[in-house]
């Protein structure tokens, strides 16, 4: 069997991939749904984390422990 004969079977269109491996398309749908939920409901945590003064947080924790 030549490699050129395998090419259509290995590299198919998205429609062929969805019919042969429906799990992959389901994973893509779930990833899209998760992304939509995050965009709608969750704020990005990086900005508050960057603004957080870690030295102050650590000193506050030490004061509470004492």
C-alpha atoms as a PDB file:
ATOM      1  CA  UNK A   1       0.000   0.000   0.000  1.00  0.00           C
ATOM      2  CA  UNK A   2       1.367   3.391  -0.975  1.00  0.00           C
ATOM      3  CA  UNK A   3       1.445   6.380   1.320  1.00  0.00           C
ATOM      4  CA  UNK A   4      -0.668   8.320  -1.172  1.00  0.00           C
ATOM      5  CA  UNK A   5      -3.449   5.769  -0.698  1.00  0.00           C
ATOM      6  CA  UNK A   6      -3.413   6.372   3.058  1.00  0.00           C
ATOM      7  CA  UNK A   7      -3.517  10.155   2.766  1.00  0.00           C
ATOM      8  CA  UNK A   8      -7.316  10.536   2.372  1.00  0.00           C
ATOM      9  CA  UNK A   9      -7.887   8.175   5.301  1.00  0.00           C
ATOM     10  CA  UNK A  10      -5.456   9.900   7.649  1.00  0.00           C
ATOM     11  CA  UNK A  11      -6.172  13.516   6.752  1.00  0.00           C
ATOM     12  CA  UNK A  12      -9.885  13.907   6.334  1.00  0.00           C
ATOM     13  CA  UNK A  13     -12.256  16.799   6.351  1.00  0.00           C
ATOM     14  CA  UNK A  14     -13.767  17.940   9.672  1.00  0.00           C
ATOM     15  CA  UNK A  15     -17.033  16.285   8.649  1.00  0.00           C
ATOM     16  CA  UNK A  16     -15.272  12.950   8.116  1.00  0.00           C
ATOM     17  CA  UNK A  17     -13.467  13.268  11.416  1.00  0.00           C
ATOM     18  CA  UNK A  18     -16.712  14.037  13.270  1.00  0.00           C
ATOM     19  CA  UNK A  19     -18.458  11.016  11.783  1.00  0.00           C
ATOM     20  CA  UNK A  20     -15.552   8.639  12.432  1.00  0.00           C
ATOM     21  CA  UNK A  21     -14.520  10.020  15.837  1.00  0.00           C
ATOM     22  CA  UNK A  22     -17.519  11.753  17.422  1.00  0.00           C
ATOM     23  CA  UNK A  23     -15.688  11.987  20.754  1.00  0.00           C
ATOM     24  CA  UNK A  24     -13.277  14.535  19.306  1.00  0.00           C
ATOM     25  CA  UNK A  25     -16.092  16.769  18.143  1.00  0.00           C
ATOM     26  CA  UNK A  26     -17.768  16.438  21.552  1.00  0.00           C
ATOM     27  CA  UNK A  27     -14.550  17.538  23.246  1.00  0.00           C
ATOM     28  CA  UNK A  28     -14.362  20.561  20.989  1.00  0.00           C
ATOM     29  CA  UNK A  29     -17.969  21.463  21.827  1.00  0.00           C
ATOM     30  CA  UNK A  30     -17.271  21.114  25.559  1.00  0.00           C
ATOM     31  CA  UNK A  31     -14.159  23.273  25.295  1.00  0.00           C
ATOM     32  CA  UNK A  32     -16.215  25.926  23.523  1.00  0.00           C
ATOM     33  CA  UNK A  33     -18.920  25.758  26.208  1.00  0.00           C
ATOM     34  CA  UNK A  34     -16.338  26.055  28.988  1.00  0.00           C
ATOM     35  CA  UNK A  35     -14.796  29.064  27.278  1.00  0.00           C
ATOM     36  CA  UNK A  36     -18.213  30.727  26.959  1.00  0.00           C
ATOM     37  CA  UNK A  37     -18.994  30.123  30.634  1.00  0.00           C
ATOM     38  CA  UNK A  38     -15.655  31.590  31.680  1.00  0.00           C
ATOM     39  CA  UNK A  39     -16.151  34.636  29.495  1.00  0.00           C
ATOM     40  CA  UNK A  40     -19.641  35.299  30.814  1.00  0.00           C
ATOM     41  CA  UNK A  41     -19.371  34.442  34.496  1.00  0.00           C
ATOM     42  CA  UNK A  42     -15.767  34.670  35.609  1.00  0.00           C
ATOM     43  CA  UNK A  43     -13.526  37.654  35.897  1.00  0.00           C
ATOM     44  CA  UNK A  44      -9.875  37.291  35.057  1.00  0.00           C
ATOM     45  CA  UNK A  45      -7.863  36.815  38.266  1.00  0.00           C
ATOM     46  CA  UNK A  46      -4.536  38.142  37.014  1.00  0.00           C
ATOM     47  CA  UNK A  47      -5.137  41.863  37.500  1.00  0.00           C
ATOM     48  CA  UNK A  48      -6.176  41.570  41.180  1.00  0.00           C
ATOM     49  CA  UNK A  49      -3.273  39.182  41.758  1.00  0.00           C
ATOM     50  CA  UNK A  50      -0.821  41.625  40.195  1.00  0.00           C
ATOM     51  CA  UNK A  51      -2.192  44.465  42.305  1.00  0.00           C
ATOM     52  CA  UNK A  52      -1.891  42.416  45.490  1.00  0.00           C
ATOM     53  CA  UNK A  53       0.899  43.574  47.796  1.00  0.00           C
ATOM     54  CA  UNK A  54       2.429  40.277  48.909  1.00  0.00           C
ATOM     55  CA  UNK A  55       4.634  41.846  51.572  1.00  0.00           C
ATOM     56  CA  UNK A  56       1.570  43.329  53.247  1.00  0.00           C
ATOM     57  CA  UNK A  57      -0.305  40.032  53.010  1.00  0.00           C
ATOM     58  CA  UNK A  58       2.609  38.152  54.573  1.00  0.00           C
ATOM     59  CA  UNK A  59       3.004  40.706  57.354  1.00  0.00           C
ATOM     60  CA  UNK A  60      -0.752  40.535  58.073  1.00  0.00           C
ATOM     61  CA  UNK A  61      -0.562  36.747  58.318  1.00  0.00           C
ATOM     62  CA  UNK A  62       2.416  36.961  60.669  1.00  0.00           C
ATOM     63  CA  UNK A  63       0.571  39.478  62.862  1.00  0.00           C
ATOM     64  CA  UNK A  64      -2.491  37.217  63.054  1.00  0.00           C
ATOM     65  CA  UNK A  65      -0.345  34.238  64.014  1.00  0.00           C
ATOM     66  CA  UNK A  66       1.389  36.129  66.858  1.00  0.00           C
END
